[in-house]
Amino acid sequence: MPTPEDAATIQAHIMGVDKAASEAEATWGIGRLPMLVDTDMRAKFMRQGARFRDSLETAYAAKMLTTDQLASVVSTAGGMERAWLALDAAARAAGHKPTEPDIWEAVLEDGSIA
């Protein structure tokens, strides 16, 4: 279990990842950006997300949080923030354009986007 100080550090990094995700989704639409990049990049993004979630689970499940466990959260959070930026850069390089502010998207039953 993290100390209050460590919990604050972890929460600050979670907030940074959430901010990167929110900004990407505001620009590209919710759930759209990972689908605009190739499968290999999407898989790397998903693996980074899994590493980040695993580091959080380990940190919060620990009886006593170690320096290495906290460092893992910090490292994987930074990796996740960079991953969102990399998706944005790859989508732009592939010629995709961000959504216009007056466009609404919805996921249909078959998984397609209207």
N, C-alpha and C. Protein backbone atom coordinates (compact mmCIF):
# COMPACT_ATOMS: atom_id res chain seq x y z
N MET A 1 0.85 -1.18 0.00
CA MET A 1 0.00 0.00 0.00
C MET A 1 0.89 1.24 0.00
N PRO A 2 0.68 2.12 -0.96
CA PRO A 2 1.50 3.34 -1.01
C PRO A 2 1.25 4.25 0.19
N THR A 3 2.29 4.93 0.60
CA THR A 3 2.14 5.97 1.63
C THR A 3 1.32 7.10 1.00
N PRO A 4 0.79 8.01 1.81
CA PRO A 4 0.07 9.14 1.22
C PRO A 4 0.92 9.94 0.22
N GLU A 5 2.20 10.08 0.50
CA GLU A 5 3.09 10.82 -0.42
C GLU A 5 3.24 10.07 -1.74
N ASP A 6 3.46 8.75 -1.64
CA ASP A 6 3.60 7.95 -2.85
C ASP A 6 2.29 7.90 -3.63
N ALA A 7 1.18 7.82 -2.92
CA ALA A 7 -0.13 7.81 -3.58
C ALA A 7 -0.35 9.11 -4.35
N ALA A 8 0.10 10.23 -3.77
CA ALA A 8 -0.03 11.52 -4.46
C ALA A 8 0.83 11.54 -5.73
N THR A 9 2.02 10.97 -5.64
CA THR A 9 2.90 10.89 -6.81
C THR A 9 2.26 10.03 -7.90
N ILE A 10 1.73 8.88 -7.50
CA ILE A 10 1.07 8.00 -8.46
C ILE A 10 -0.12 8.71 -9.10
N GLN A 11 -0.94 9.35 -8.29
CA GLN A 11 -2.12 10.04 -8.81
C GLN A 11 -1.72 11.15 -9.78
N ALA A 12 -0.64 11.86 -9.48
CA ALA A 12 -0.18 12.92 -10.39
C ALA A 12 0.18 12.34 -11.75
N HIS A 13 0.80 11.17 -11.76
CA HIS A 13 1.16 10.54 -13.04
C HIS A 13 -0.07 10.00 -13.76
N ILE A 14 -1.03 9.48 -13.02
CA ILE A 14 -2.28 9.04 -13.65
C ILE A 14 -2.97 10.24 -14.30
N MET A 15 -2.97 11.36 -13.62
CA MET A 15 -3.59 12.57 -14.17
C MET A 15 -2.89 13.01 -15.46
N GLY A 16 -1.58 12.85 -15.53
CA GLY A 16 -0.86 13.19 -16.75
C GLY A 16 -1.25 12.30 -17.92
N VAL A 17 -1.40 11.00 -17.64
CA VAL A 17 -1.83 10.07 -18.69
C VAL A 17 -3.26 10.40 -19.11
N ASP A 18 -4.13 10.65 -18.14
CA ASP A 18 -5.51 11.00 -18.45
C ASP A 18 -5.59 12.28 -19.30
N LYS A 19 -4.74 13.25 -18.99
CA LYS A 19 -4.72 14.50 -19.76
C LYS A 19 -4.30 14.23 -21.20
N ALA A 20 -3.27 13.42 -21.39
CA ALA A 20 -2.82 13.08 -22.75
C ALA A 20 -3.93 12.38 -23.52
N ALA A 21 -4.62 11.44 -22.87
CA ALA A 21 -5.71 10.71 -23.52
C ALA A 21 -6.86 11.66 -23.85
N SER A 22 -7.23 12.53 -22.92
CA SER A 22 -8.34 13.47 -23.14
C SER A 22 -8.04 14.43 -24.29
N GLU A 23 -6.80 14.90 -24.35
CA GLU A 23 -6.42 15.81 -25.43
C GLU A 23 -6.47 15.10 -26.78
N ALA A 24 -5.99 13.86 -26.81
CA ALA A 24 -6.02 13.09 -28.06
C ALA A 24 -7.47 12.84 -28.49
N GLU A 25 -8.31 12.50 -27.55
CA GLU A 25 -9.71 12.22 -27.88
C GLU A 25 -10.46 13.49 -28.27
N ALA A 26 -10.11 14.62 -27.69
CA ALA A 26 -10.73 15.88 -28.08
C ALA A 26 -10.33 16.26 -29.50
N THR A 27 -9.12 15.91 -29.88
CA THR A 27 -8.62 16.23 -31.22
C THR A 27 -9.12 15.24 -32.26
N TRP A 28 -9.09 13.95 -31.94
CA TRP A 28 -9.34 12.89 -32.93
C TRP A 28 -10.69 12.21 -32.79
N GLY A 29 -11.35 12.37 -31.68
CA GLY A 29 -12.59 11.65 -31.43
C GLY A 29 -12.29 10.48 -30.49
N ILE A 30 -13.27 10.11 -29.73
CA ILE A 30 -13.09 9.04 -28.74
C ILE A 30 -12.92 7.69 -29.44
N GLY A 31 -11.81 7.02 -29.11
CA GLY A 31 -11.54 5.70 -29.66
C GLY A 31 -11.06 5.68 -31.10
N ARG A 32 -10.94 6.83 -31.73
CA ARG A 32 -10.59 6.88 -33.15
C ARG A 32 -9.10 6.80 -33.42
N LEU A 33 -8.29 7.48 -32.62
CA LEU A 33 -6.87 7.62 -32.91
C LEU A 33 -6.14 6.28 -33.03
N PRO A 34 -6.32 5.34 -32.12
CA PRO A 34 -5.60 4.06 -32.28
C PRO A 34 -5.96 3.32 -33.57
N MET A 35 -7.15 3.60 -34.10
CA MET A 35 -7.57 2.92 -35.33
C MET A 35 -6.99 3.57 -36.58
N LEU A 36 -6.37 4.73 -36.44
CA LEU A 36 -5.82 5.44 -37.60
C LEU A 36 -4.37 5.06 -37.89
N VAL A 37 -3.77 4.30 -37.00
CA VAL A 37 -2.36 3.91 -37.18
C VAL A 37 -2.31 2.44 -37.58
N ASP A 38 -1.13 2.00 -38.03
CA ASP A 38 -1.02 0.61 -38.45
C ASP A 38 -1.10 -0.34 -37.26
N THR A 39 -1.33 -1.60 -37.58
CA THR A 39 -1.55 -2.62 -36.54
C THR A 39 -0.36 -2.75 -35.60
N ASP A 40 0.85 -2.68 -36.11
CA ASP A 40 2.03 -2.80 -35.25
C ASP A 40 2.08 -1.67 -34.22
N MET A 41 1.81 -0.45 -34.66
CA MET A 41 1.85 0.68 -33.72
C MET A 41 0.70 0.56 -32.73
N ARG A 42 -0.46 0.16 -33.20
CA ARG A 42 -1.60 -0.01 -32.30
C ARG A 42 -1.28 -1.07 -31.24
N ALA A 43 -0.62 -2.16 -31.65
CA ALA A 43 -0.24 -3.21 -30.70
C ALA A 43 0.77 -2.68 -29.68
N LYS A 44 1.74 -1.89 -30.13
CA LYS A 44 2.71 -1.29 -29.19
C LYS A 44 1.99 -0.40 -28.19
N PHE A 45 1.04 0.38 -28.67
CA PHE A 45 0.26 1.26 -27.81
C PHE A 45 -0.51 0.44 -26.76
N MET A 46 -1.12 -0.63 -27.20
CA MET A 46 -1.89 -1.48 -26.28
C MET A 46 -0.98 -2.17 -25.26
N ARG A 47 0.21 -2.59 -25.70
CA ARG A 47 1.15 -3.21 -24.77
C ARG A 47 1.63 -2.20 -23.72
N GLN A 48 1.85 -0.96 -24.15
CA GLN A 48 2.26 0.08 -23.19
C GLN A 48 1.15 0.32 -22.19
N GLY A 49 -0.10 0.34 -22.65
CA GLY A 49 -1.23 0.50 -21.74
C GLY A 49 -1.30 -0.63 -20.73
N ALA A 50 -1.02 -1.85 -21.19
CA ALA A 50 -1.02 -3.00 -20.28
C ALA A 50 0.10 -2.88 -19.26
N ARG A 51 1.29 -2.43 -19.68
CA ARG A 51 2.40 -2.24 -18.73
C ARG A 51 2.03 -1.19 -17.68
N PHE A 52 1.39 -0.11 -18.13
CA PHE A 52 0.99 0.95 -17.20
C PHE A 52 -0.02 0.42 -16.19
N ARG A 53 -1.04 -0.27 -16.67
CA ARG A 53 -2.05 -0.83 -15.76
C ARG A 53 -1.43 -1.83 -14.79
N ASP A 54 -0.52 -2.67 -15.30
CA ASP A 54 0.15 -3.65 -14.43
C ASP A 54 0.97 -2.96 -13.34
N SER A 55 1.66 -1.88 -13.71
CA SER A 55 2.46 -1.18 -12.71
C SER A 55 1.57 -0.56 -11.63
N LEU A 56 0.40 -0.06 -12.02
CA LEU A 56 -0.53 0.49 -11.04
C LEU A 56 -1.07 -0.60 -10.13
N GLU A 57 -1.46 -1.72 -10.72
CA GLU A 57 -1.97 -2.83 -9.91
C GLU A 57 -0.93 -3.30 -8.91
N THR A 58 0.31 -3.43 -9.37
CA THR A 58 1.39 -3.88 -8.48
C THR A 58 1.61 -2.88 -7.35
N ALA A 59 1.60 -1.59 -7.69
CA ALA A 59 1.83 -0.56 -6.68
C ALA A 59 0.74 -0.56 -5.62
N TYR A 60 -0.50 -0.66 -6.04
CA TYR A 60 -1.59 -0.60 -5.07
C TYR A 60 -1.79 -1.91 -4.32
N ALA A 61 -1.32 -3.03 -4.87
CA ALA A 61 -1.44 -4.32 -4.19
C ALA A 61 -0.29 -4.59 -3.22
N ALA A 62 0.79 -3.82 -3.36
CA ALA A 62 1.97 -4.06 -2.53
C ALA A 62 1.67 -3.78 -1.06
N LYS A 63 2.16 -4.67 -0.22
CA LYS A 63 2.03 -4.45 1.22
C LYS A 63 2.78 -3.18 1.60
N MET A 64 3.97 -3.05 1.01
CA MET A 64 4.80 -1.86 1.21
C MET A 64 5.43 -1.53 -0.14
N LEU A 65 5.09 -0.37 -0.68
CA LEU A 65 5.55 0.03 -2.00
C LEU A 65 7.07 0.21 -2.00
N THR A 66 7.73 -0.42 -2.98
CA THR A 66 9.17 -0.27 -3.09
C THR A 66 9.52 0.88 -4.02
N THR A 67 10.76 1.29 -3.94
CA THR A 67 11.25 2.35 -4.85
C THR A 67 11.13 1.90 -6.30
N ASP A 68 11.45 0.63 -6.57
CA ASP A 68 11.35 0.11 -7.94
C ASP A 68 9.91 0.09 -8.43
N GLN A 69 8.98 -0.24 -7.56
CA GLN A 69 7.57 -0.26 -7.97
C GLN A 69 7.07 1.15 -8.30
N LEU A 70 7.47 2.12 -7.49
CA LEU A 70 7.08 3.50 -7.77
C LEU A 70 7.75 3.98 -9.06
N ALA A 71 9.01 3.63 -9.24
CA ALA A 71 9.71 4.01 -10.47
C ALA A 71 9.05 3.39 -11.69
N SER A 72 8.51 2.19 -11.57
CA SER A 72 7.81 1.54 -12.67
C SER A 72 6.56 2.32 -13.05
N VAL A 73 5.81 2.79 -12.06
CA VAL A 73 4.63 3.61 -12.35
C VAL A 73 5.04 4.88 -13.08
N VAL A 74 6.06 5.55 -12.58
CA VAL A 74 6.52 6.80 -13.19
C VAL A 74 6.97 6.54 -14.63
N SER A 75 7.73 5.49 -14.84
CA SER A 75 8.25 5.16 -16.16
C SER A 75 7.14 4.78 -17.14
N THR A 76 6.24 3.92 -16.70
CA THR A 76 5.18 3.48 -17.62
C THR A 76 4.17 4.59 -17.89
N ALA A 77 3.97 5.47 -16.93
CA ALA A 77 3.09 6.62 -17.16
C ALA A 77 3.69 7.53 -18.22
N GLY A 78 4.98 7.81 -18.10
CA GLY A 78 5.66 8.61 -19.12
C GLY A 78 5.59 7.94 -20.48
N GLY A 79 5.76 6.63 -20.50
CA GLY A 79 5.65 5.89 -21.75
C GLY A 79 4.27 6.00 -22.35
N MET A 80 3.25 6.00 -21.52
CA MET A 80 1.88 6.11 -22.01
C MET A 80 1.61 7.50 -22.58
N GLU A 81 2.13 8.52 -21.92
CA GLU A 81 1.96 9.88 -22.45
C GLU A 81 2.66 10.00 -23.81
N ARG A 82 3.87 9.45 -23.91
CA ARG A 82 4.58 9.48 -25.20
C ARG A 82 3.85 8.65 -26.25
N ALA A 83 3.21 7.58 -25.82
CA ALA A 83 2.47 6.72 -26.77
C ALA A 83 1.32 7.49 -27.41
N TRP A 84 0.60 8.27 -26.62
CA TRP A 84 -0.48 9.08 -27.19
C TRP A 84 0.07 10.08 -28.21
N LEU A 85 1.20 10.71 -27.89
CA LEU A 85 1.81 11.66 -28.83
C LEU A 85 2.29 10.95 -30.09
N ALA A 86 2.83 9.75 -29.95
CA ALA A 86 3.29 8.98 -31.11
C ALA A 86 2.13 8.60 -32.01
N LEU A 87 1.00 8.22 -31.43
CA LEU A 87 -0.18 7.92 -32.25
C LEU A 87 -0.61 9.15 -33.04
N ASP A 88 -0.64 10.30 -32.37
CA ASP A 88 -1.02 11.55 -33.03
C ASP A 88 -0.09 11.84 -34.21
N ALA A 89 1.21 11.73 -33.97
CA ALA A 89 2.19 12.02 -35.02
C ALA A 89 2.05 11.04 -36.18
N ALA A 90 1.84 9.77 -35.89
CA ALA A 90 1.71 8.76 -36.95
C ALA A 90 0.44 8.98 -37.75
N ALA A 91 -0.64 9.32 -37.09
CA ALA A 91 -1.90 9.58 -37.81
C ALA A 91 -1.75 10.78 -38.73
N ARG A 92 -1.12 11.82 -38.25
CA ARG A 92 -0.91 13.02 -39.09
C ARG A 92 0.02 12.70 -40.26
N ALA A 93 1.08 11.92 -39.99
CA ALA A 93 2.02 11.55 -41.05
C ALA A 93 1.35 10.71 -42.12
N ALA A 94 0.33 9.95 -41.73
CA ALA A 94 -0.40 9.12 -42.69
C ALA A 94 -1.47 9.92 -43.44
N GLY A 95 -1.57 11.21 -43.13
CA GLY A 95 -2.50 12.08 -43.85
C GLY A 95 -3.87 12.20 -43.22
N HIS A 96 -4.07 11.64 -42.04
CA HIS A 96 -5.37 11.75 -41.38
C HIS A 96 -5.51 13.14 -40.78
N LYS A 97 -6.73 13.60 -40.73
CA LYS A 97 -7.03 14.91 -40.18
C LYS A 97 -7.84 14.76 -38.89
N PRO A 98 -7.58 15.61 -37.92
CA PRO A 98 -8.39 15.58 -36.70
C PRO A 98 -9.86 15.85 -37.04
N THR A 99 -10.75 15.44 -36.15
CA THR A 99 -12.16 15.69 -36.37
C THR A 99 -12.46 17.17 -36.24
N GLU A 100 -13.45 17.60 -36.98
CA GLU A 100 -13.90 18.99 -36.89
C GLU A 100 -14.76 19.11 -35.63
N PRO A 101 -14.73 20.27 -34.98
CA PRO A 101 -15.47 20.41 -33.73
C PRO A 101 -16.98 20.21 -33.87
N ASP A 102 -17.52 20.40 -35.07
CA ASP A 102 -18.97 20.25 -35.22
C ASP A 102 -19.37 18.88 -35.76
N ILE A 103 -18.43 17.93 -35.75
CA ILE A 103 -18.74 16.57 -36.19
C ILE A 103 -18.97 15.70 -34.97
N TRP A 104 -20.02 14.92 -35.01
CA TRP A 104 -20.32 13.98 -33.94
C TRP A 104 -20.12 12.58 -34.48
N GLU A 105 -19.58 11.70 -33.67
CA GLU A 105 -19.39 10.30 -34.05
C GLU A 105 -20.10 9.43 -33.03
N ALA A 106 -20.58 8.28 -33.52
CA ALA A 106 -21.20 7.30 -32.63
C ALA A 106 -20.79 5.92 -33.08
N VAL A 107 -20.57 5.03 -32.13
CA VAL A 107 -20.24 3.65 -32.44
C VAL A 107 -21.54 2.89 -32.62
N LEU A 108 -21.69 2.25 -33.78
CA LEU A 108 -22.89 1.47 -34.07
C LEU A 108 -22.79 0.07 -33.49
N GLU A 109 -23.88 -0.66 -33.51
CA GLU A 109 -23.91 -2.02 -32.95
C GLU A 109 -22.85 -2.93 -33.55
N ASP A 110 -22.57 -2.76 -34.84
CA ASP A 110 -21.58 -3.63 -35.50
C ASP A 110 -20.15 -3.17 -35.28
N GLY A 111 -19.96 -2.12 -34.47
CA GLY A 111 -18.63 -1.63 -34.16
C GLY A 111 -18.15 -0.54 -35.09
N SER A 112 -18.87 -0.30 -36.18
CA SER A 112 -18.46 0.76 -37.10
C SER A 112 -18.83 2.12 -36.50
N ILE A 113 -18.23 3.15 -37.05
CA ILE A 113 -18.46 4.51 -36.54
C ILE A 113 -19.27 5.28 -37.55
N ALA A 114 -20.34 5.91 -37.06
CA ALA A 114 -21.18 6.76 -37.92
C ALA A 114 -20.83 8.20 -37.68
